Amino acid sequence: AFSYSGNYSKDGINYSGDLRLRSGEAHLDWFPFGGGFHLSPGALIYDGNQVTANAAATAGQTFTLNNISYTSNAANPVTGTGKLYFNKVAPTFLVGFGNLIPRSGRHWSVMAEAGVAYQGSPHAALNLTGSACSGGTCMDVATDPGIQANVQAQQTKINNDLSVFKFYPIISLGIGFNF
């Protein structure tokens, strides 16, 4: 488990985001040569990794959706939420050295593994509310079909840009004690 929060701006929209890495996994260790080297196929049985963000375009600020510029209405500024999430279950494969259950009668053991989880492409979801102005006309962001088409195009662009992140790296270190 790991969390990180941060703020950034892109295309005139200010974001306040949270990264949450939460997952549980199960593996089967196979020792093909008898020693400490092992292969570990398995699965992320819960992949709760996600990014959530609140978005805001300050009143009067110009912002861009799908290369179209809008101005956030002073009376009803544009705000919204975004979420980036992954498949809940993902296959994994690790390679490692060591065994948490010592075979030589020792009490302490150390294990290290590295590999990947194939979690598929991340999925982004955007939701904006408020009022945006273009050419002197202000429109409700949530109901205007032109703005919604640009929101969907922006969401599709984000999904296409992130499609290369299908693999999630895994590094694992373990210490065991046998009574």
C-alpha atoms as a PDB file:
ATOM      1  CA  ALA A   1       0.000   0.000   0.000  1.00  0.00           C
ATOM      2  CA  PHE A   2       1.223   3.469  -0.910  1.00  0.00           C
ATOM      3  CA  SER A   3      -0.453   6.882  -1.265  1.00  0.00           C
ATOM      4  CA  TYR A   4       0.628  10.184  -2.765  1.00  0.00           C
ATOM      5  CA  SER A   5      -1.212  13.492  -3.190  1.00  0.00           C
ATOM      6  CA  GLY A   6      -0.276  16.404  -5.406  1.00  0.00           C
ATOM      7  CA  ASN A   7      -1.480  19.413  -7.385  1.00  0.00           C
ATOM      8  CA  TYR A   8      -0.790  20.320 -10.995  1.00  0.00           C
ATOM      9  CA  SER A   9      -2.239  22.284 -13.925  1.00  0.00           C
ATOM     10  CA  LYS A  10      -2.782  21.214 -17.534  1.00  0.00           C
ATOM     11  CA  ASP A  11      -4.578  23.005 -20.368  1.00  0.00           C
ATOM     12  CA  GLY A  12      -5.822  25.710 -17.968  1.00  0.00           C
ATOM     13  CA  ILE A  13      -7.422  23.300 -15.501  1.00  0.00           C
ATOM     14  CA  ASN A  14      -6.083  22.925 -11.948  1.00  0.00           C
ATOM     15  CA  TYR A  15      -6.031  19.394 -10.548  1.00  0.00           C
ATOM     16  CA  SER A  16      -5.749  18.153  -6.979  1.00  0.00           C
ATOM     17  CA  GLY A  17      -5.056  14.420  -7.206  1.00  0.00           C
ATOM     18  CA  ASP A  18      -4.491  11.339  -5.090  1.00  0.00           C
ATOM     19  CA  LEU A  19      -2.557   8.232  -6.170  1.00  0.00           C
ATOM     20  CA  ARG A  20      -3.501   5.094  -4.230  1.00  0.00           C
ATOM     21  CA  LEU A  21      -1.602   1.858  -4.717  1.00  0.00           C
ATOM     22  CA  ARG A  22      -3.538  -0.922  -3.002  1.00  0.00           C
ATOM     23  CA  SER A  23      -3.273  -4.550  -4.048  1.00  0.00           C
ATOM     24  CA  GLY A  24      -3.196  -8.091  -2.728  1.00  0.00           C
ATOM     25  CA  GLU A  25      -1.537 -10.983  -4.493  1.00  0.00           C
ATOM     26  CA  ALA A  26      -1.100 -14.749  -4.358  1.00  0.00           C
ATOM     27  CA  HIS A  27       1.756 -16.759  -5.915  1.00  0.00           C
ATOM     28  CA  LEU A  28       2.922 -20.325  -6.264  1.00  0.00           C
ATOM     29  CA  ASP A  29       6.712 -20.663  -5.939  1.00  0.00           C
ATOM     30  CA  TRP A  30       8.276 -23.310  -8.188  1.00  0.00           C
ATOM     31  CA  PHE A  31      11.944 -24.255  -7.605  1.00  0.00           C
ATOM     32  CA  PRO A  32      12.947 -25.887 -10.937  1.00  0.00           C
ATOM     33  CA  PHE A  33      16.601 -26.487  -9.962  1.00  0.00           C
ATOM     34  CA  GLY A  34      16.155 -27.292  -6.273  1.00  0.00           C
ATOM     35  CA  GLY A  35      18.162 -24.319  -4.915  1.00  0.00           C
ATOM     36  CA  GLY A  36      16.943 -20.879  -3.968  1.00  0.00           C
ATOM     37  CA  PHE A  37      16.077 -19.775  -7.535  1.00  0.00           C
ATOM     38  CA  HIS A  38      12.336 -19.866  -8.161  1.00  0.00           C
ATOM     39  CA  LEU A  39       9.640 -18.903 -10.648  1.00  0.00           C
ATOM     40  CA  SER A  40       6.352 -17.585  -9.251  1.00  0.00           C
ATOM     41  CA  PRO A  41       3.241 -17.424 -11.412  1.00  0.00           C
ATOM     42  CA  GLY A  42       0.300 -15.858  -9.623  1.00  0.00           C
ATOM     43  CA  ALA A  43      -2.330 -13.143  -9.620  1.00  0.00           C
ATOM     44  CA  LEU A  44      -3.181  -9.781  -8.192  1.00  0.00           C
ATOM     45  CA  ILE A  45      -6.384 -10.956  -6.546  1.00  0.00           C
ATOM     46  CA  TYR A  46      -7.308  -7.376  -5.703  1.00  0.00           C
ATOM     47  CA  ASP A  47      -5.963  -4.507  -7.814  1.00  0.00           C
ATOM     48  CA  GLY A  48      -7.201  -1.351  -6.095  1.00  0.00           C
ATOM     49  CA  ASN A  49      -4.612   0.912  -7.729  1.00  0.00           C
ATOM     50  CA  GLN A  50      -6.201   4.169  -8.832  1.00  0.00           C
ATOM     51  CA  VAL A  51      -5.793   7.904  -9.316  1.00  0.00           C
ATOM     52  CA  THR A  52      -8.607  10.294  -8.363  1.00  0.00           C
ATOM     53  CA  ALA A  53      -8.597  14.026  -8.912  1.00  0.00           C
ATOM     54  CA  ASN A  54     -10.729  17.105  -8.424  1.00  0.00           C
ATOM     55  CA  ALA A  55     -10.554  19.591 -11.270  1.00  0.00           C
ATOM     56  CA  ALA A  56     -11.341  23.309 -11.370  1.00  0.00           C
ATOM     57  CA  ALA A  57     -11.055  26.095 -13.906  1.00  0.00           C
ATOM     58  CA  THR A  58     -11.049  29.335 -11.906  1.00  0.00           C
ATOM     59  CA  ALA A  59     -13.774  31.861 -12.803  1.00  0.00           C
ATOM     60  CA  GLY A  60     -12.744  33.739 -15.954  1.00  0.00           C
ATOM     61  CA  GLN A  61      -9.863  31.347 -16.693  1.00  0.00           C
ATOM     62  CA  THR A  62      -9.389  29.969 -20.214  1.00  0.00           C
ATOM     63  CA  PHE A  63      -9.075  26.197 -20.523  1.00  0.00           C
ATOM     64  CA  THR A  64      -8.879  23.679 -23.360  1.00  0.00           C
ATOM     65  CA  LEU A  65     -10.800  20.483 -24.080  1.00  0.00           C
ATOM     66  CA  ASN A  66      -9.944  18.537 -27.233  1.00  0.00           C
ATOM     67  CA  ASN A  67      -8.009  21.568 -28.581  1.00  0.00           C
ATOM     68  CA  ILE A  68     -11.091  23.817 -28.198  1.00  0.00           C
ATOM     69  CA  SER A  69     -10.709  26.851 -25.891  1.00  0.00           C
ATOM     70  CA  TYR A  70     -13.403  27.815 -23.390  1.00  0.00           C
ATOM     71  CA  THR A  71     -13.625  30.366 -20.588  1.00  0.00           C
ATOM     72  CA  SER A  72     -14.911  29.280 -17.171  1.00  0.00           C
ATOM     73  CA  ASN A  73     -18.060  31.297 -16.360  1.00  0.00           C
ATOM     74  CA  ALA A  74     -17.569  33.687 -13.416  1.00  0.00           C
ATOM     75  CA  ALA A  75     -21.102  32.981 -12.137  1.00  0.00           C
ATOM     76  CA  ASN A  76     -20.787  29.167 -12.341  1.00  0.00           C
ATOM     77  CA  PRO A  77     -17.120  28.090 -12.705  1.00  0.00           C
ATOM     78  CA  VAL A  78     -16.232  24.734 -14.232  1.00  0.00           C
ATOM     79  CA  THR A  79     -15.374  22.001 -11.719  1.00  0.00           C
ATOM     80  CA  GLY A  80     -15.237  18.247 -11.962  1.00  0.00           C
ATOM     81  CA  THR A  81     -13.728  14.920 -11.072  1.00  0.00           C
ATOM     82  CA  GLY A  82     -11.496  12.432 -12.808  1.00  0.00           C
ATOM     83  CA  LYS A  83     -10.610   8.850 -12.064  1.00  0.00           C
ATOM     84  CA  LEU A  84      -8.019   6.464 -13.469  1.00  0.00           C
ATOM     85  CA  TYR A  85      -8.511   2.798 -12.589  1.00  0.00           C
ATOM     86  CA  PHE A  86      -7.341  -0.679 -13.595  1.00  0.00           C
ATOM     87  CA  ASN A  87      -8.803  -4.182 -13.891  1.00  0.00           C
ATOM     88  CA  LYS A  88      -9.445  -5.625 -10.405  1.00  0.00           C
ATOM     89  CA  VAL A  89      -7.717  -8.970 -11.129  1.00  0.00           C
ATOM     90  CA  ALA A  90      -4.445  -9.379 -13.042  1.00  0.00           C
ATOM     91  CA  PRO A  91      -2.051 -12.282 -13.758  1.00  0.00           C
ATOM     92  CA  THR A  92       1.519 -11.922 -12.466  1.00  0.00           C
ATOM     93  CA  PHE A  93       4.891 -13.550 -13.036  1.00  0.00           C
ATOM     94  CA  LEU A  94       7.903 -13.166 -10.724  1.00  0.00           C
ATOM     95  CA  VAL A  95      11.469 -14.500 -10.675  1.00  0.00           C
ATOM     96  CA  GLY A  96      13.296 -14.670  -7.382  1.00  0.00           C
ATOM     97  CA  PHE A  97      15.888 -16.101  -5.012  1.00  0.00           C
ATOM     98  CA  GLY A  98      15.373 -17.463  -1.525  1.00  0.00           C
ATOM     99  CA  ASN A  99      12.597 -19.170   0.372  1.00  0.00           C
ATOM    100  CA  LEU A 100      10.623 -17.802   3.329  1.00  0.00           C
ATOM    101  CA  ILE A 101      10.459 -21.312   4.799  1.00  0.00           C
ATOM    102  CA  PRO A 102      14.083 -22.264   5.559  1.00  0.00           C
ATOM    103  CA  ARG A 103      14.941 -25.845   4.564  1.00  0.00           C
ATOM    104  CA  SER A 104      18.325 -26.075   6.277  1.00  0.00           C
ATOM    105  CA  GLY A 105      17.196 -25.848   9.913  1.00  0.00           C
ATOM    106  CA  ARG A 106      18.121 -22.165  10.174  1.00  0.00           C
ATOM    107  CA  HIS A 107      15.745 -19.788  11.906  1.00  0.00           C
ATOM    108  CA  TRP A 108      16.094 -16.795   9.568  1.00  0.00           C
ATOM    109  CA  SER A 109      15.513 -16.609   5.819  1.00  0.00           C
ATOM    110  CA  VAL A 110      15.562 -13.895   3.160  1.00  0.00           C
ATOM    111  CA  MET A 111      13.756 -13.799  -0.165  1.00  0.00           C
ATOM    112  CA  ALA A 112      13.785 -11.330  -3.099  1.00  0.00           C
ATOM    113  CA  GLU A 113      11.572 -11.326  -6.205  1.00  0.00           C
ATOM    114  CA  ALA A 114      10.968  -9.091  -9.224  1.00  0.00           C
ATOM    115  CA  GLY A 115       8.437  -9.314 -12.008  1.00  0.00           C
ATOM    116  CA  VAL A 116       5.298  -7.834 -13.522  1.00  0.00           C
ATOM    117  CA  ALA A 117       1.523  -7.908 -13.360  1.00  0.00           C
ATOM    118  CA  TYR A 118      -0.395  -7.641 -16.619  1.00  0.00           C
ATOM    119  CA  GLN A 119      -3.189  -5.297 -15.541  1.00  0.00           C
ATOM    120  CA  GLY A 120      -4.334  -4.226 -19.011  1.00  0.00           C
ATOM    121  CA  SER A 121      -4.690  -0.628 -20.135  1.00  0.00           C
ATOM    122  CA  PRO A 122      -5.828   1.889 -17.517  1.00  0.00           C
ATOM    123  CA  HIS A 123      -9.283   3.451 -17.890  1.00  0.00           C
ATOM    124  CA  ALA A 124      -9.921   7.179 -17.400  1.00  0.00           C
ATOM    125  CA  ALA A 125     -13.309   8.696 -16.565  1.00  0.00           C
ATOM    126  CA  LEU A 126     -13.952  12.462 -16.613  1.00  0.00           C
ATOM    127  CA  ASN A 127     -16.973  14.350 -15.266  1.00  0.00           C
ATOM    128  CA  LEU A 128     -17.290  18.140 -15.499  1.00  0.00           C
ATOM    129  CA  THR A 129     -19.974  20.518 -14.238  1.00  0.00           C
ATOM    130  CA  GLY A 130     -20.461  24.271 -14.305  1.00  0.00           C
ATOM    131  CA  SER A 131     -20.711  26.669 -17.205  1.00  0.00           C
ATOM    132  CA  ALA A 132     -18.225  27.360 -20.008  1.00  0.00           C
ATOM    133  CA  CYS A 133     -18.274  30.279 -22.430  1.00  0.00           C
ATOM    134  CA  SER A 134     -17.183  30.373 -26.064  1.00  0.00           C
ATOM    135  CA  GLY A 135     -17.796  33.255 -28.480  1.00  0.00           C
ATOM    136  CA  GLY A 136     -19.822  35.189 -25.900  1.00  0.00           C
ATOM    137  CA  THR A 137     -22.279  32.317 -25.279  1.00  0.00           C
ATOM    138  CA  CYS A 138     -22.185  30.370 -22.011  1.00  0.00           C
ATOM    139  CA  MET A 139     -23.311  26.732 -21.922  1.00  0.00           C
ATOM    140  CA  ASP A 140     -23.870  24.130 -19.204  1.00  0.00           C
ATOM    141  CA  VAL A 141     -20.885  21.789 -19.417  1.00  0.00           C
ATOM    142  CA  ALA A 142     -22.866  18.746 -18.218  1.00  0.00           C
ATOM    143  CA  THR A 143     -25.678  19.052 -20.792  1.00  0.00           C
ATOM    144  CA  ASP A 144     -24.259  20.810 -23.865  1.00  0.00           C
ATOM    145  CA  PRO A 145     -23.677  18.137 -26.547  1.00  0.00           C
ATOM    146  CA  GLY A 146     -20.730  19.996 -28.126  1.00  0.00           C
ATOM    147  CA  ILE A 147     -18.855  20.353 -24.850  1.00  0.00           C
ATOM    148  CA  GLN A 148     -19.709  16.767 -23.838  1.00  0.00           C
ATOM    149  CA  ALA A 149     -18.312  15.556 -27.193  1.00  0.00           C
ATOM    150  CA  ASN A 150     -15.067  17.400 -26.393  1.00  0.00           C
ATOM    151  CA  VAL A 151     -14.995  15.936 -22.861  1.00  0.00           C
ATOM    152  CA  GLN A 152     -15.414  12.438 -24.346  1.00  0.00           C
ATOM    153  CA  ALA A 153     -12.707  13.132 -26.957  1.00  0.00           C
ATOM    154  CA  GLN A 154     -10.355  14.321 -24.187  1.00  0.00           C
ATOM    155  CA  GLN A 155     -11.138  11.157 -22.175  1.00  0.00           C
ATOM    156  CA  THR A 156     -10.424   9.005 -25.252  1.00  0.00           C
ATOM    157  CA  LYS A 157      -7.115  10.837 -25.815  1.00  0.00           C
ATOM    158  CA  ILE A 158      -6.100  10.180 -22.184  1.00  0.00           C
ATOM    159  CA  ASN A 159      -7.027   6.487 -22.529  1.00  0.00           C
ATOM    160  CA  ASN A 160      -5.021   6.201 -25.765  1.00  0.00           C
ATOM    161  CA  ASP A 161      -1.991   7.952 -24.206  1.00  0.00           C
ATOM    162  CA  LEU A 162      -2.076   5.579 -21.217  1.00  0.00           C
ATOM    163  CA  SER A 163      -2.657   2.383 -23.210  1.00  0.00           C
ATOM    164  CA  VAL A 164       1.087   1.587 -23.123  1.00  0.00           C
ATOM    165  CA  PHE A 165       0.965   1.168 -19.311  1.00  0.00           C
ATOM    166  CA  LYS A 166      -0.366  -2.403 -19.353  1.00  0.00           C
ATOM    167  CA  PHE A 167       2.317  -3.855 -17.093  1.00  0.00           C
ATOM    168  CA  TYR A 168       2.722  -3.038 -13.386  1.00  0.00           C
ATOM    169  CA  PRO A 169       6.217  -3.687 -11.967  1.00  0.00           C
ATOM    170  CA  ILE A 170       6.505  -5.736  -8.783  1.00  0.00           C
ATOM    171  CA  ILE A 171       9.515  -5.901  -6.455  1.00  0.00           C
ATOM    172  CA  SER A 172       9.241  -7.958  -3.300  1.00  0.00           C
ATOM    173  CA  LEU A 173      11.637  -8.474  -0.395  1.00  0.00           C
ATOM    174  CA  GLY A 174      10.842 -10.820   2.469  1.00  0.00           C
ATOM    175  CA  ILE A 175      12.313 -11.858   5.782  1.00  0.00           C
ATOM    176  CA  GLY A 176      11.145 -14.998   7.540  1.00  0.00           C
ATOM    177  CA  PHE A 177      11.689 -16.581  10.936  1.00  0.00           C
ATOM    178  CA  ASN A 178      11.103 -20.252  11.667  1.00  0.00           C
ATOM    179  CA  PHE A 179      10.450 -21.284  15.293  1.00  0.00           C
END
